[in-house]
Amino acid sequence: MIRLHLFLEAAPPWQQGDDAPEIHQYAVRVRLDRAALLHAADQWDLALAPFPPR
């Protein structure tokens, strides 16, 4: 299982900085096997390839 923590970068101005929500407040749990995880990582790399590194 992988647990993804999401951060609200597009939150309204009054919820940014010290007033931002707790980073671990929002999470998604994903169950997948090793092969599926490796495939997803490869697909992510392919999707990001056109964009320059920052």
C-alpha atoms as a PDB file:
ATOM      1  CA  MET A   1       0.000   0.000   0.000  1.00  0.00           C
ATOM      2  CA  ILE A   2       1.160   3.508  -0.797  1.00  0.00           C
ATOM      3  CA  ARG A   3      -0.185   6.496   1.069  1.00  0.00           C
ATOM      4  CA  LEU A   4      -0.108   9.747  -0.895  1.00  0.00           C
ATOM      5  CA  HIS A   5      -0.226  13.020   0.986  1.00  0.00           C
ATOM      6  CA  LEU A   6      -1.630  15.909  -0.990  1.00  0.00           C
ATOM      7  CA  PHE A   7      -0.872  19.545  -0.333  1.00  0.00           C
ATOM      8  CA  LEU A   8      -3.209  22.347  -1.314  1.00  0.00           C
ATOM      9  CA  GLU A   9      -0.879  24.611  -3.321  1.00  0.00           C
ATOM     10  CA  ALA A  10      -3.871  26.289  -4.935  1.00  0.00           C
ATOM     11  CA  ALA A  11      -5.554  27.064  -1.632  1.00  0.00           C
ATOM     12  CA  PRO A  12      -7.116  30.501  -1.222  1.00  0.00           C
ATOM     13  CA  PRO A  13      -4.781  33.208   0.120  1.00  0.00           C
ATOM     14  CA  TRP A  14      -6.302  33.039   3.610  1.00  0.00           C
ATOM     15  CA  GLN A  15      -5.298  29.344   3.874  1.00  0.00           C
ATOM     16  CA  GLN A  16      -1.644  29.734   2.912  1.00  0.00           C
ATOM     17  CA  GLY A  17       1.441  30.243   5.030  1.00  0.00           C
ATOM     18  CA  ASP A  18       0.862  29.722   8.755  1.00  0.00           C
ATOM     19  CA  ASP A  19      -2.886  29.250   8.172  1.00  0.00           C
ATOM     20  CA  ALA A  20      -2.403  26.394   5.684  1.00  0.00           C
ATOM     21  CA  PRO A  21      -4.065  23.065   6.513  1.00  0.00           C
ATOM     22  CA  GLU A  22      -1.923  20.291   7.977  1.00  0.00           C
ATOM     23  CA  ILE A  23      -0.048  18.572   5.123  1.00  0.00           C
ATOM     24  CA  HIS A  24      -1.038  15.095   6.366  1.00  0.00           C
ATOM     25  CA  GLN A  25      -4.702  16.059   6.621  1.00  0.00           C
ATOM     26  CA  TYR A  26      -5.468  14.873   3.094  1.00  0.00           C
ATOM     27  CA  ALA A  27      -4.271  11.450   1.964  1.00  0.00           C
ATOM     28  CA  VAL A  28      -5.123   8.780  -0.564  1.00  0.00           C
ATOM     29  CA  ARG A  29      -4.330   5.131   0.106  1.00  0.00           C
ATOM     30  CA  VAL A  30      -3.516   3.096  -2.973  1.00  0.00           C
ATOM     31  CA  ARG A  31      -3.220  -0.692  -3.045  1.00  0.00           C
ATOM     32  CA  LEU A  32      -1.281  -2.159  -5.945  1.00  0.00           C
ATOM     33  CA  ASP A  33       1.251  -4.856  -6.599  1.00  0.00           C
ATOM     34  CA  ARG A  34       4.917  -4.322  -7.413  1.00  0.00           C
ATOM     35  CA  ALA A  35       4.483  -4.776 -11.181  1.00  0.00           C
ATOM     36  CA  ALA A  36       1.667  -2.214 -11.291  1.00  0.00           C
ATOM     37  CA  LEU A  37       3.730   0.260  -9.271  1.00  0.00           C
ATOM     38  CA  LEU A  38       6.745  -0.123 -11.583  1.00  0.00           C
ATOM     39  CA  HIS A  39       4.507   0.273 -14.629  1.00  0.00           C
ATOM     40  CA  ALA A  40       2.938   3.427 -13.175  1.00  0.00           C
ATOM     41  CA  ALA A  41       6.389   4.869 -12.441  1.00  0.00           C
ATOM     42  CA  ASP A  42       7.510   4.167 -16.013  1.00  0.00           C
ATOM     43  CA  GLN A  43       4.364   5.797 -17.400  1.00  0.00           C
ATOM     44  CA  TRP A  44       4.905   8.826 -15.179  1.00  0.00           C
ATOM     45  CA  ASP A  45       8.478   9.177 -16.468  1.00  0.00           C
ATOM     46  CA  LEU A  46       7.210   9.019 -20.050  1.00  0.00           C
ATOM     47  CA  ALA A  47       4.531  11.619 -19.353  1.00  0.00           C
ATOM     48  CA  LEU A  48       7.088  14.004 -17.814  1.00  0.00           C
ATOM     49  CA  ALA A  49       9.723  13.539 -20.534  1.00  0.00           C
ATOM     50  CA  PRO A  50       8.519  16.492 -22.691  1.00  0.00           C
ATOM     51  CA  PHE A  51       8.928  18.917 -19.799  1.00  0.00           C
ATOM     52  CA  PRO A  52      12.323  20.355 -18.812  1.00  0.00           C
ATOM     53  CA  PRO A  53      13.591  19.608 -15.308  1.00  0.00           C
ATOM     54  CA  ARG A  54      13.261  22.454 -12.805  1.00  0.00           C
END
